[in-house]
């Protein structure tokens, strides 16, 4: 895969995703929903797992948590690109920063419901 195609790039730039993050008995679930796609990952902190990203890349992922930052470290499979997503909560805002190669993308979410888990 050489990169994200123009159609996927346009769709991604106009999407207004909703992320539902849950933790139950040490198992995390992140469901990201847009009008054209839903992705779902389930994991335990510190344990590597196979993931297919929203843009179709196959990666091996490890999630870590440090204070208010959840880091998603993705290593490309079969020559695919590596990327890192950091979700940081400050008050009622979640900022997600995605870094791949020298490109950085930031997306800001408004927390709707913060339940203890």
PDB file of N, CA and C in Angstrom:
ATOM      1  N   UNK A   1       0.855  -1.170   0.000  1.00  0.00           N
ATOM      2  CA  UNK A   1       0.000   0.000   0.000  1.00  0.00           C
ATOM      3  C   UNK A   1       0.901   1.233   0.000  1.00  0.00           C
ATOM      4  N   UNK A   2       0.656   2.166  -0.891  1.00  0.00           N
ATOM      5  CA  UNK A   2       1.507   3.345  -1.008  1.00  0.00           C
ATOM      6  C   UNK A   2       0.959   4.547  -0.265  1.00  0.00           C
ATOM      7  N   UNK A   3      -0.241   4.512   0.200  1.00  0.00           N
ATOM      8  CA  UNK A   3      -0.809   5.639   0.928  1.00  0.00           C
ATOM      9  C   UNK A   3      -2.313   5.614   0.865  1.00  0.00           C
ATOM     10  N   UNK A   4      -2.901   6.651   1.415  1.00  0.00           N
ATOM     11  CA  UNK A   4      -4.351   6.769   1.450  1.00  0.00           C
ATOM     12  C   UNK A   4      -4.806   7.465   0.175  1.00  0.00           C
ATOM     13  N   UNK A   5      -5.774   6.862  -0.536  1.00  0.00           N
ATOM     14  CA  UNK A   5      -6.275   7.425  -1.774  1.00  0.00           C
ATOM     15  C   UNK A   5      -7.037   8.717  -1.564  1.00  0.00           C
ATOM     16  N   UNK A   6      -7.233   9.448  -2.644  1.00  0.00           N
ATOM     17  CA  UNK A   6      -7.890  10.760  -2.577  1.00  0.00           C
ATOM     18  C   UNK A   6      -9.318  10.664  -2.051  1.00  0.00           C
ATOM     19  N   UNK A   7     -10.078   9.653  -2.466  1.00  0.00           N
ATOM     20  CA  UNK A   7     -11.468   9.517  -2.006  1.00  0.00           C
ATOM     21  C   UNK A   7     -11.502   9.291  -0.499  1.00  0.00           C
ATOM     22  N   UNK A   8     -10.660   8.365  -0.006  1.00  0.00           N
ATOM     23  CA  UNK A   8     -10.616   8.087   1.432  1.00  0.00           C
ATOM     24  C   UNK A   8     -10.157   9.328   2.204  1.00  0.00           C
ATOM     25  N   UNK A   9      -9.223  10.068   1.636  1.00  0.00           N
ATOM     26  CA  UNK A   9      -8.728  11.285   2.281  1.00  0.00           C
ATOM     27  C   UNK A   9      -9.849  12.330   2.403  1.00  0.00           C
ATOM     28  N   UNK A  10     -10.627  12.512   1.325  1.00  0.00           N
ATOM     29  CA  UNK A  10     -11.739  13.472   1.348  1.00  0.00           C
ATOM     30  C   UNK A  10     -12.801  13.049   2.358  1.00  0.00           C
ATOM     31  N   UNK A  11     -13.161  11.756   2.354  1.00  0.00           N
ATOM     32  CA  UNK A  11     -14.146  11.262   3.308  1.00  0.00           C
ATOM     33  C   UNK A  11     -13.666  11.462   4.741  1.00  0.00           C
ATOM     34  N   UNK A  12     -12.402  11.152   4.985  1.00  0.00           N
ATOM     35  CA  UNK A  12     -11.839  11.302   6.320  1.00  0.00           C
ATOM     36  C   UNK A  12     -11.826  12.736   6.799  1.00  0.00           C
ATOM     37  N   UNK A  13     -11.570  13.656   5.894  1.00  0.00           N
ATOM     38  CA  UNK A  13     -11.494  15.064   6.293  1.00  0.00           C
ATOM     39  C   UNK A  13     -12.862  15.656   6.627  1.00  0.00           C
ATOM     40  N   UNK A  14     -13.931  15.063   6.111  1.00  0.00           N
ATOM     41  CA  UNK A  14     -15.271  15.593   6.386  1.00  0.00           C
ATOM     42  C   UNK A  14     -16.008  14.810   7.476  1.00  0.00           C
ATOM     43  N   UNK A  15     -15.440  13.692   7.903  1.00  0.00           N
ATOM     44  CA  UNK A  15     -16.100  12.842   8.903  1.00  0.00           C
ATOM     45  C   UNK A  15     -16.164  13.535  10.256  1.00  0.00           C
ATOM     46  N   UNK A  16     -17.220  13.260  10.972  1.00  0.00           N
ATOM     47  CA  UNK A  16     -17.382  13.734  12.346  1.00  0.00           C
ATOM     48  C   UNK A  16     -17.571  12.500  13.228  1.00  0.00           C
ATOM     49  N   UNK A  17     -16.454  11.835  13.547  1.00  0.00           N
ATOM     50  CA  UNK A  17     -16.550  10.566  14.257  1.00  0.00           C
ATOM     51  C   UNK A  17     -16.979  10.712  15.707  1.00  0.00           C
ATOM     52  N   UNK A  18     -17.567   9.638  16.194  1.00  0.00           N
ATOM     53  CA  UNK A  18     -17.898   9.497  17.612  1.00  0.00           C
ATOM     54  C   UNK A  18     -17.075   8.326  18.109  1.00  0.00           C
ATOM     55  N   UNK A  19     -16.357   8.519  19.220  1.00  0.00           N
ATOM     56  CA  UNK A  19     -15.593   7.428  19.809  1.00  0.00           C
ATOM     57  C   UNK A  19     -16.240   7.034  21.125  1.00  0.00           C
ATOM     58  N   UNK A  20     -16.505   5.751  21.259  1.00  0.00           N
ATOM     59  CA  UNK A  20     -17.055   5.184  22.488  1.00  0.00           C
ATOM     60  C   UNK A  20     -15.940   4.344  23.105  1.00  0.00           C
ATOM     61  N   UNK A  21     -15.422   4.772  24.256  1.00  0.00           N
ATOM     62  CA  UNK A  21     -14.315   4.093  24.913  1.00  0.00           C
ATOM     63  C   UNK A  21     -14.824   3.508  26.218  1.00  0.00           C
ATOM     64  N   UNK A  22     -14.649   2.189  26.362  1.00  0.00           N
ATOM     65  CA  UNK A  22     -15.120   1.496  27.564  1.00  0.00           C
ATOM     66  C   UNK A  22     -13.999   0.635  28.128  1.00  0.00           C
ATOM     67  N   UNK A  23     -13.990   0.489  29.455  1.00  0.00           N
ATOM     68  CA  UNK A  23     -13.058  -0.412  30.124  1.00  0.00           C
ATOM     69  C   UNK A  23     -13.877  -1.284  31.059  1.00  0.00           C
ATOM     70  N   UNK A  24     -13.729  -2.591  30.903  1.00  0.00           N
ATOM     71  CA  UNK A  24     -14.460  -3.534  31.744  1.00  0.00           C
ATOM     72  C   UNK A  24     -13.547  -4.699  32.084  1.00  0.00           C
ATOM     73  N   UNK A  25     -13.281  -4.883  33.365  1.00  0.00           N
ATOM     74  CA  UNK A  25     -12.411  -5.971  33.839  1.00  0.00           C
ATOM     75  C   UNK A  25     -11.054  -5.978  33.139  1.00  0.00           C
ATOM     76  N   UNK A  26     -10.471  -4.803  32.931  1.00  0.00           N
ATOM     77  CA  UNK A  26      -9.161  -4.690  32.315  1.00  0.00           C
ATOM     78  C   UNK A  26      -9.156  -4.781  30.797  1.00  0.00           C
ATOM     79  N   UNK A  27     -10.307  -5.052  30.199  1.00  0.00           N
ATOM     80  CA  UNK A  27     -10.425  -5.133  28.737  1.00  0.00           C
ATOM     81  C   UNK A  27     -10.998  -3.813  28.220  1.00  0.00           C
ATOM     82  N   UNK A  28     -10.279  -3.201  27.303  1.00  0.00           N
ATOM     83  CA  UNK A  28     -10.687  -1.935  26.703  1.00  0.00           C
ATOM     84  C   UNK A  28     -11.370  -2.196  25.366  1.00  0.00           C
ATOM     85  N   UNK A  29     -12.342  -1.340  25.046  1.00  0.00           N
ATOM     86  CA  UNK A  29     -13.003  -1.350  23.740  1.00  0.00           C
ATOM     87  C   UNK A  29     -13.097   0.087  23.256  1.00  0.00           C
ATOM     88  N   UNK A  30     -12.660   0.321  22.024  1.00  0.00           N
ATOM     89  CA  UNK A  30     -12.840   1.635  21.391  1.00  0.00           C
ATOM     90  C   UNK A  30     -13.608   1.406  20.095  1.00  0.00           C
ATOM     91  N   UNK A  31     -14.806   1.969  20.038  1.00  0.00           N
ATOM     92  CA  UNK A  31     -15.628   1.904  18.829  1.00  0.00           C
ATOM     93  C   UNK A  31     -15.675   3.313  18.246  1.00  0.00           C
ATOM     94  N   UNK A  32     -15.236   3.438  17.006  1.00  0.00           N
ATOM     95  CA  UNK A  32     -15.260   4.725  16.313  1.00  0.00           C
ATOM     96  C   UNK A  32     -16.277   4.629  15.191  1.00  0.00           C
ATOM     97  N   UNK A  33     -17.263   5.525  15.225  1.00  0.00           N
ATOM     98  CA  UNK A  33     -18.367   5.485  14.268  1.00  0.00           C
ATOM     99  C   UNK A  33     -18.430   6.789  13.478  1.00  0.00           C
ATOM    100  N   UNK A  34     -18.532   6.653  12.146  1.00  0.00           N
ATOM    101  CA  UNK A  34     -18.821   7.786  11.271  1.00  0.00           C
ATOM    102  C   UNK A  34     -20.003   7.392  10.397  1.00  0.00           C
ATOM    103  N   UNK A  35     -20.435   8.292   9.554  1.00  0.00           N
ATOM    104  CA  UNK A  35     -21.575   7.994   8.683  1.00  0.00           C
ATOM    105  C   UNK A  35     -21.245   6.933   7.645  1.00  0.00           C
ATOM    106  N   UNK A  36     -19.942   6.706   7.359  1.00  0.00           N
ATOM    107  CA  UNK A  36     -19.596   5.743   6.312  1.00  0.00           C
ATOM    108  C   UNK A  36     -18.790   4.541   6.797  1.00  0.00           C
ATOM    109  N   UNK A  37     -18.364   4.525   8.064  1.00  0.00           N
ATOM    110  CA  UNK A  37     -17.562   3.396   8.536  1.00  0.00           C
ATOM    111  C   UNK A  37     -17.570   3.332  10.058  1.00  0.00           C
ATOM    112  N   UNK A  38     -17.502   2.108  10.578  1.00  0.00           N
ATOM    113  CA  UNK A  38     -17.354   1.886  12.014  1.00  0.00           C
ATOM    114  C   UNK A  38     -16.175   0.951  12.228  1.00  0.00           C
ATOM    115  N   UNK A  39     -15.287   1.310  13.150  1.00  0.00           N
ATOM    116  CA  UNK A  39     -14.184   0.430  13.512  1.00  0.00           C
ATOM    117  C   UNK A  39     -14.302   0.093  14.992  1.00  0.00           C
ATOM    118  N   UNK A  40     -13.795  -1.076  15.341  1.00  0.00           N
ATOM    119  CA  UNK A  40     -13.904  -1.577  16.704  1.00  0.00           C
ATOM    120  C   UNK A  40     -12.596  -2.263  17.059  1.00  0.00           C
ATOM    121  N   UNK A  41     -11.952  -1.826  18.150  1.00  0.00           N
ATOM    122  CA  UNK A  41     -10.773  -2.543  18.621  1.00  0.00           C
ATOM    123  C   UNK A  41     -10.984  -2.920  20.083  1.00  0.00           C
ATOM    124  N   UNK A  42     -10.514  -4.111  20.435  1.00  0.00           N
ATOM    125  CA  UNK A  42     -10.570  -4.598  21.806  1.00  0.00           C
ATOM    126  C   UNK A  42      -9.163  -4.996  22.195  1.00  0.00           C
ATOM    127  N   UNK A  43      -8.751  -4.643  23.417  1.00  0.00           N
ATOM    128  CA  UNK A  43      -7.366  -4.884  23.814  1.00  0.00           C
ATOM    129  C   UNK A  43      -7.218  -4.820  25.324  1.00  0.00           C
ATOM    130  N   UNK A  44      -6.059  -5.271  25.764  1.00  0.00           N
ATOM    131  CA  UNK A  44      -5.605  -5.100  27.138  1.00  0.00           C
ATOM    132  C   UNK A  44      -4.318  -4.287  27.070  1.00  0.00           C
ATOM    133  N   UNK A  45      -4.156  -3.367  27.993  1.00  0.00           N
ATOM    134  CA  UNK A  45      -2.968  -2.521  28.004  1.00  0.00           C
ATOM    135  C   UNK A  45      -1.700  -3.366  28.030  1.00  0.00           C
ATOM    136  N   UNK A  46      -0.714  -2.972  27.216  1.00  0.00           N
ATOM    137  CA  UNK A  46       0.582  -3.620  27.198  1.00  0.00           C
ATOM    138  C   UNK A  46       0.661  -4.909  26.402  1.00  0.00           C
ATOM    139  N   UNK A  47      -0.471  -5.390  25.866  1.00  0.00           N
ATOM    140  CA  UNK A  47      -0.486  -6.628  25.088  1.00  0.00           C
ATOM    141  C   UNK A  47      -0.645  -6.309  23.603  1.00  0.00           C
ATOM    142  N   UNK A  48       0.270  -6.831  22.781  1.00  0.00           N
ATOM    143  CA  UNK A  48       0.211  -6.588  21.341  1.00  0.00           C
ATOM    144  C   UNK A  48      -0.961  -7.355  20.721  1.00  0.00           C
ATOM    145  N   UNK A  49      -1.619  -6.727  19.751  1.00  0.00           N
ATOM    146  CA  UNK A  49      -2.722  -7.374  19.037  1.00  0.00           C
ATOM    147  C   UNK A  49      -2.715  -6.940  17.583  1.00  0.00           C
ATOM    148  N   UNK A  50      -3.354  -7.758  16.736  1.00  0.00           N
ATOM    149  CA  UNK A  50      -3.469  -7.448  15.309  1.00  0.00           C
ATOM    150  C   UNK A  50      -4.654  -6.522  15.103  1.00  0.00           C
ATOM    151  N   UNK A  51      -4.459  -5.506  14.261  1.00  0.00           N
ATOM    152  CA  UNK A  51      -5.505  -4.517  14.001  1.00  0.00           C
ATOM    153  C   UNK A  51      -5.549  -4.204  12.515  1.00  0.00           C
ATOM    154  N   UNK A  52      -6.740  -3.972  11.994  1.00  0.00           N
ATOM    155  CA  UNK A  52      -6.912  -3.410  10.663  1.00  0.00           C
ATOM    156  C   UNK A  52      -7.407  -1.987  10.866  1.00  0.00           C
ATOM    157  N   UNK A  53      -6.629  -1.018  10.402  1.00  0.00           N
ATOM    158  CA  UNK A  53      -6.962   0.387  10.616  1.00  0.00           C
ATOM    159  C   UNK A  53      -8.138   0.819   9.734  1.00  0.00           C
ATOM    160  N   UNK A  54      -8.678   1.990  10.011  1.00  0.00           N
ATOM    161  CA  UNK A  54      -9.814   2.505   9.236  1.00  0.00           C
ATOM    162  C   UNK A  54      -9.471   2.658   7.755  1.00  0.00           C
ATOM    163  N   UNK A  55      -8.185   2.903   7.463  1.00  0.00           N
ATOM    164  CA  UNK A  55      -7.779   3.042   6.053  1.00  0.00           C
ATOM    165  C   UNK A  55      -7.304   1.721   5.449  1.00  0.00           C
ATOM    166  N   UNK A  56      -7.517   0.607   6.169  1.00  0.00           N
ATOM    167  CA  UNK A  56      -7.270  -0.719   5.609  1.00  0.00           C
ATOM    168  C   UNK A  56      -5.885  -1.302   5.846  1.00  0.00           C
ATOM    169  N   UNK A  57      -5.010  -0.609   6.590  1.00  0.00           N
ATOM    170  CA  UNK A  57      -3.678  -1.146   6.851  1.00  0.00           C
ATOM    171  C   UNK A  57      -3.738  -2.242   7.903  1.00  0.00           C
ATOM    172  N   UNK A  58      -2.889  -3.255   7.742  1.00  0.00           N
ATOM    173  CA  UNK A  58      -2.719  -4.302   8.750  1.00  0.00           C
ATOM    174  C   UNK A  58      -1.551  -3.879   9.627  1.00  0.00           C
ATOM    175  N   UNK A  59      -1.776  -3.823  10.936  1.00  0.00           N
ATOM    176  CA  UNK A  59      -0.739  -3.415  11.874  1.00  0.00           C
ATOM    177  C   UNK A  59      -0.763  -4.296  13.113  1.00  0.00           C
ATOM    178  N   UNK A  60       0.359  -4.329  13.809  1.00  0.00           N
ATOM    179  CA  UNK A  60       0.432  -4.917  15.140  1.00  0.00           C
ATOM    180  C   UNK A  60       0.453  -3.734  16.094  1.00  0.00           C
ATOM    181  N   UNK A  61      -0.445  -3.747  17.058  1.00  0.00           N
ATOM    182  CA  UNK A  61      -0.671  -2.588  17.920  1.00  0.00           C
ATOM    183  C   UNK A  61      -0.436  -2.937  19.370  1.00  0.00           C
ATOM    184  N   UNK A  62       0.135  -1.968  20.092  1.00  0.00           N
ATOM    185  CA  UNK A  62       0.251  -2.076  21.543  1.00  0.00           C
ATOM    186  C   UNK A  62      -0.247  -0.774  22.145  1.00  0.00           C
ATOM    187  N   UNK A  63      -1.112  -0.889  23.142  1.00  0.00           N
ATOM    188  CA  UNK A  63      -1.699   0.263  23.818  1.00  0.00           C
ATOM    189  C   UNK A  63      -1.063   0.426  25.194  1.00  0.00           C
ATOM    190  N   UNK A  64      -0.734   1.670  25.547  1.00  0.00           N
ATOM    191  CA  UNK A  64      -0.221   1.969  26.873  1.00  0.00           C
ATOM    192  C   UNK A  64      -0.961   3.179  27.437  1.00  0.00           C
ATOM    193  N   UNK A  65      -1.004   3.268  28.752  1.00  0.00           N
ATOM    194  CA  UNK A  65      -1.685   4.369  29.427  1.00  0.00           C
ATOM    195  C   UNK A  65      -0.729   4.992  30.424  1.00  0.00           C
ATOM    196  N   UNK A  66      -0.548   6.306  30.304  1.00  0.00           N
ATOM    197  CA  UNK A  66       0.261   7.053  31.255  1.00  0.00           C
ATOM    198  C   UNK A  66      -0.500   8.312  31.630  1.00  0.00           C
ATOM    199  N   UNK A  67      -0.957   8.353  32.884  1.00  0.00           N
ATOM    200  CA  UNK A  67      -1.789   9.443  33.393  1.00  0.00           C
ATOM    201  C   UNK A  67      -3.010   9.601  32.494  1.00  0.00           C
ATOM    202  N   UNK A  68      -3.145  10.739  31.810  1.00  0.00           N
ATOM    203  CA  UNK A  68      -4.331  10.996  30.984  1.00  0.00           C
ATOM    204  C   UNK A  68      -4.076  10.759  29.491  1.00  0.00           C
ATOM    205  N   UNK A  69      -3.000  10.008  29.145  1.00  0.00           N
ATOM    206  CA  UNK A  69      -2.660   9.750  27.745  1.00  0.00           C
ATOM    207  C   UNK A  69      -2.721   8.256  27.443  1.00  0.00           C
ATOM    208  N   UNK A  70      -3.554   7.910  26.461  1.00  0.00           N
ATOM    209  CA  UNK A  70      -3.654   6.547  25.955  1.00  0.00           C
ATOM    210  C   UNK A  70      -2.930   6.526  24.606  1.00  0.00           C
ATOM    211  N   UNK A  71      -1.833   5.753  24.529  1.00  0.00           N
ATOM    212  CA  UNK A  71      -1.013   5.713  23.323  1.00  0.00           C
ATOM    213  C   UNK A  71      -1.237   4.409  22.579  1.00  0.00           C
ATOM    214  N   UNK A  72      -1.506   4.532  21.288  1.00  0.00           N
ATOM    215  CA  UNK A  72      -1.766   3.406  20.387  1.00  0.00           C
ATOM    216  C   UNK A  72      -0.604   3.350  19.395  1.00  0.00           C
ATOM    217  N   UNK A  73       0.350   2.443  19.641  1.00  0.00           N
ATOM    218  CA  UNK A  73       1.555   2.325  18.818  1.00  0.00           C
ATOM    219  C   UNK A  73       1.336   1.225  17.787  1.00  0.00           C
ATOM    220  N   UNK A  74       1.227   1.620  16.515  1.00  0.00           N
ATOM    221  CA  UNK A  74       0.920   0.693  15.423  1.00  0.00           C
ATOM    222  C   UNK A  74       2.165   0.445  14.579  1.00  0.00           C
ATOM    223  N   UNK A  75       2.544  -0.830  14.429  1.00  0.00           N
ATOM    224  CA  UNK A  75       3.681  -1.215  13.596  1.00  0.00           C
ATOM    225  C   UNK A  75       3.149  -1.885  12.340  1.00  0.00           C
ATOM    226  N   UNK A  76       3.484  -1.318  11.172  1.00  0.00           N
ATOM    227  CA  UNK A  76       2.998  -1.844   9.900  1.00  0.00           C
ATOM    228  C   UNK A  76       3.450  -3.268   9.647  1.00  0.00           C
ATOM    229  N   UNK A  77       2.576  -4.068   9.064  1.00  0.00           N
ATOM    230  CA  UNK A  77       2.856  -5.454   8.710  1.00  0.00           C
ATOM    231  C   UNK A  77       3.189  -5.503   7.223  1.00  0.00           C
ATOM    232  N   UNK A  78       4.129  -6.368   6.840  1.00  0.00           N
ATOM    233  CA  UNK A  78       4.513  -6.552   5.431  1.00  0.00           C
ATOM    234  C   UNK A  78       4.898  -5.247   4.756  1.00  0.00           C
ATOM    235  N   UNK A  79       5.729  -4.454   5.411  1.00  0.00           N
ATOM    236  CA  UNK A  79       6.202  -3.204   4.822  1.00  0.00           C
ATOM    237  C   UNK A  79       5.241  -2.044   4.953  1.00  0.00           C
ATOM    238  N   UNK A  80       4.134  -2.229   5.682  1.00  0.00           N
ATOM    239  CA  UNK A  80       3.174  -1.144   5.873  1.00  0.00           C
ATOM    240  C   UNK A  80       3.727  -0.056   6.770  1.00  0.00           C
ATOM    241  N   UNK A  81       3.071   1.063   6.767  1.00  0.00           N
ATOM    242  CA  UNK A  81       3.520   2.219   7.539  1.00  0.00           C
ATOM    243  C   UNK A  81       3.239   2.054   9.032  1.00  0.00           C
ATOM    244  N   UNK A  82       4.171   2.569   9.843  1.00  0.00           N
ATOM    245  CA  UNK A  82       3.972   2.658  11.281  1.00  0.00           C
ATOM    246  C   UNK A  82       3.241   3.958  11.577  1.00  0.00           C
ATOM    247  N   UNK A  83       2.503   3.977  12.679  1.00  0.00           N
ATOM    248  CA  UNK A  83       1.850   5.198  13.114  1.00  0.00           C
ATOM    249  C   UNK A  83       1.633   5.136  14.621  1.00  0.00           C
ATOM    250  N   UNK A  84       1.441   6.312  15.218  1.00  0.00           N
ATOM    251  CA  UNK A  84       1.187   6.409  16.649  1.00  0.00           C
ATOM    252  C   UNK A  84       0.016   7.358  16.850  1.00  0.00           C
ATOM    253  N   UNK A  85      -0.975   6.898  17.631  1.00  0.00           N
ATOM    254  CA  UNK A  85      -2.106   7.738  17.997  1.00  0.00           C
ATOM    255  C   UNK A  85      -2.047   7.961  19.501  1.00  0.00           C
ATOM    256  N   UNK A  86      -2.161   9.216  19.911  1.00  0.00           N
ATOM    257  CA  UNK A  86      -2.180   9.539  21.331  1.00  0.00           C
ATOM    258  C   UNK A  86      -3.498  10.234  21.625  1.00  0.00           C
ATOM    259  N   UNK A  87      -4.269   9.644  22.542  1.00  0.00           N
ATOM    260  CA  UNK A  87      -5.518  10.254  22.998  1.00  0.00           C
ATOM    261  C   UNK A  87      -5.256  10.845  24.373  1.00  0.00           C
ATOM    262  N   UNK A  88      -5.493  12.154  24.500  1.00  0.00           N
ATOM    263  CA  UNK A  88      -5.227  12.839  25.764  1.00  0.00           C
ATOM    264  C   UNK A  88      -6.494  13.546  26.236  1.00  0.00           C
ATOM    265  N   UNK A  89      -6.875  13.264  27.484  1.00  0.00           N
ATOM    266  CA  UNK A  89      -8.069  13.874  28.064  1.00  0.00           C
ATOM    267  C   UNK A  89      -7.656  15.036  28.951  1.00  0.00           C
ATOM    268  N   UNK A  90      -8.268  16.186  28.700  1.00  0.00           N
ATOM    269  CA  UNK A  90      -8.114  17.380  29.538  1.00  0.00           C
ATOM    270  C   UNK A  90      -9.499  17.958  29.772  1.00  0.00           C
ATOM    271  N   UNK A  91      -9.979  17.843  31.019  1.00  0.00           N
ATOM    272  CA  UNK A  91     -11.329  18.324  31.315  1.00  0.00           C
ATOM    273  C   UNK A  91     -12.350  17.553  30.511  1.00  0.00           C
ATOM    274  N   UNK A  92     -13.170  18.261  29.729  1.00  0.00           N
ATOM    275  CA  UNK A  92     -14.204  17.594  28.926  1.00  0.00           C
ATOM    276  C   UNK A  92     -13.810  17.497  27.450  1.00  0.00           C
ATOM    277  N   UNK A  93     -12.496  17.527  27.184  1.00  0.00           N
ATOM    278  CA  UNK A  93     -11.993  17.441  25.812  1.00  0.00           C
ATOM    279  C   UNK A  93     -11.022  16.272  25.671  1.00  0.00           C
ATOM    280  N   UNK A  94     -11.169  15.512  24.589  1.00  0.00           N
ATOM    281  CA  UNK A  94     -10.217  14.475  24.228  1.00  0.00           C
ATOM    282  C   UNK A  94      -9.551  14.924  22.933  1.00  0.00           C
ATOM    283  N   UNK A  95      -8.232  15.037  22.953  1.00  0.00           N
ATOM    284  CA  UNK A  95      -7.487  15.378  21.746  1.00  0.00           C
ATOM    285  C   UNK A  95      -6.759  14.129  21.280  1.00  0.00           C
ATOM    286  N   UNK A  96      -6.971  13.761  20.017  1.00  0.00           N
ATOM    287  CA  UNK A  96      -6.288  12.615  19.443  1.00  0.00           C
ATOM    288  C   UNK A  96      -5.279  13.138  18.422  1.00  0.00           C
ATOM    289  N   UNK A  97      -4.018  12.777  18.612  1.00  0.00           N
ATOM    290  CA  UNK A  97      -2.946  13.179  17.703  1.00  0.00           C
ATOM    291  C   UNK A  97      -2.414  11.938  17.018  1.00  0.00           C
ATOM    292  N   UNK A  98      -2.463  11.919  15.693  1.00  0.00           N
ATOM    293  CA  UNK A  98      -1.968  10.809  14.882  1.00  0.00           C
ATOM    294  C   UNK A  98      -0.699  11.262  14.185  1.00  0.00           C
ATOM    295  N   UNK A  99       0.364  10.456  14.333  1.00  0.00           N
ATOM    296  CA  UNK A  99       1.628  10.748  13.668  1.00  0.00           C
ATOM    297  C   UNK A  99       2.016   9.558  12.807  1.00  0.00           C
ATOM    298  N   UNK A 100       2.298   9.815  11.528  1.00  0.00           N
ATOM    299  CA  UNK A 100       2.773   8.801  10.593  1.00  0.00           C
ATOM    300  C   UNK A 100       3.825   9.470   9.712  1.00  0.00           C
ATOM    301  N   UNK A 101       5.014   8.861   9.655  1.00  0.00           N
ATOM    302  CA  UNK A 101       6.154   9.495   8.984  1.00  0.00           C
ATOM    303  C   UNK A 101       6.338  10.879   9.602  1.00  0.00           C
ATOM    304  N   UNK A 102       6.351  11.919   8.808  1.00  0.00           N
ATOM    305  CA  UNK A 102       6.507  13.280   9.327  1.00  0.00           C
ATOM    306  C   UNK A 102       5.194  14.056   9.297  1.00  0.00           C
ATOM    307  N   UNK A 103       4.075  13.337   9.183  1.00  0.00           N
ATOM    308  CA  UNK A 103       2.769  13.980   9.102  1.00  0.00           C
ATOM    309  C   UNK A 103       2.061  13.842  10.450  1.00  0.00           C
ATOM    310  N   UNK A 104       1.499  14.954  10.930  1.00  0.00           N
ATOM    311  CA  UNK A 104       0.774  14.961  12.199  1.00  0.00           C
ATOM    312  C   UNK A 104      -0.632  15.475  11.948  1.00  0.00           C
ATOM    313  N   UNK A 105      -1.606  14.756  12.483  1.00  0.00           N
ATOM    314  CA  UNK A 105      -3.016  15.134  12.359  1.00  0.00           C
ATOM    315  C   UNK A 105      -3.601  15.186  13.758  1.00  0.00           C
ATOM    316  N   UNK A 106      -4.360  16.239  14.059  1.00  0.00           N
ATOM    317  CA  UNK A 106      -5.021  16.343  15.357  1.00  0.00           C
ATOM    318  C   UNK A 106      -6.518  16.433  15.171  1.00  0.00           C
ATOM    319  N   UNK A 107      -7.241  15.749  16.050  1.00  0.00           N
ATOM    320  CA  UNK A 107      -8.690  15.780  16.044  1.00  0.00           C
ATOM    321  C   UNK A 107      -9.130  15.980  17.490  1.00  0.00           C
ATOM    322  N   UNK A 108     -10.110  16.843  17.703  1.00  0.00           N
ATOM    323  CA  UNK A 108     -10.586  17.141  19.050  1.00  0.00           C
ATOM    324  C   UNK A 108     -12.015  16.645  19.200  1.00  0.00           C
ATOM    325  N   UNK A 109     -12.252  15.956  20.312  1.00  0.00           N
ATOM    326  CA  UNK A 109     -13.565  15.420  20.635  1.00  0.00           C
ATOM    327  C   UNK A 109     -14.080  16.081  21.904  1.00  0.00           C
ATOM    328  N   UNK A 110     -15.375  16.252  21.983  1.00  0.00           N
ATOM    329  CA  UNK A 110     -16.030  16.748  23.193  1.00  0.00           C
ATOM    330  C   UNK A 110     -16.520  15.538  23.957  1.00  0.00           C
ATOM    331  N   UNK A 111     -16.122  15.412  25.236  1.00  0.00           N
ATOM    332  CA  UNK A 111     -16.587  14.301  26.052  1.00  0.00           C
ATOM    333  C   UNK A 111     -18.055  14.502  26.383  1.00  0.00           C
ATOM    334  N   UNK A 112     -18.854  13.479  26.097  1.00  0.00           N
ATOM    335  CA  UNK A 112     -20.283  13.548  26.342  1.00  0.00           C
ATOM    336  C   UNK A 112     -20.624  12.908  27.672  1.00  0.00           C
ATOM    337  N   UNK A 113     -19.991  11.770  27.961  1.00  0.00           N
ATOM    338  CA  UNK A 113     -20.295  11.042  29.182  1.00  0.00           C
ATOM    339  C   UNK A 113     -19.011  10.387  29.667  1.00  0.00           C
ATOM    340  N   UNK A 114     -18.596  10.717  30.850  1.00  0.00           N
ATOM    341  CA  UNK A 114     -17.385  10.134  31.423  1.00  0.00           C
ATOM    342  C   UNK A 114     -17.810   9.308  32.627  1.00  0.00           C
ATOM    343  N   UNK A 115     -17.894   7.971  32.406  1.00  0.00           N
ATOM    344  CA  UNK A 115     -18.324   7.071  33.465  1.00  0.00           C
ATOM    345  C   UNK A 115     -17.121   6.342  34.037  1.00  0.00           C
ATOM    346  N   UNK A 116     -17.106   6.165  35.322  1.00  0.00           N
ATOM    347  CA  UNK A 116     -16.005   5.419  35.972  1.00  0.00           C
ATOM    348  C   UNK A 116     -16.072   3.973  35.522  1.00  0.00           C
ATOM    349  N   UNK A 117     -14.904   3.377  35.265  1.00  0.00           N
ATOM    350  CA  UNK A 117     -14.911   2.006  34.782  1.00  0.00           C
ATOM    351  C   UNK A 117     -13.924   1.145  35.382  1.00  0.00           C
TER     352      UNK A 117
END
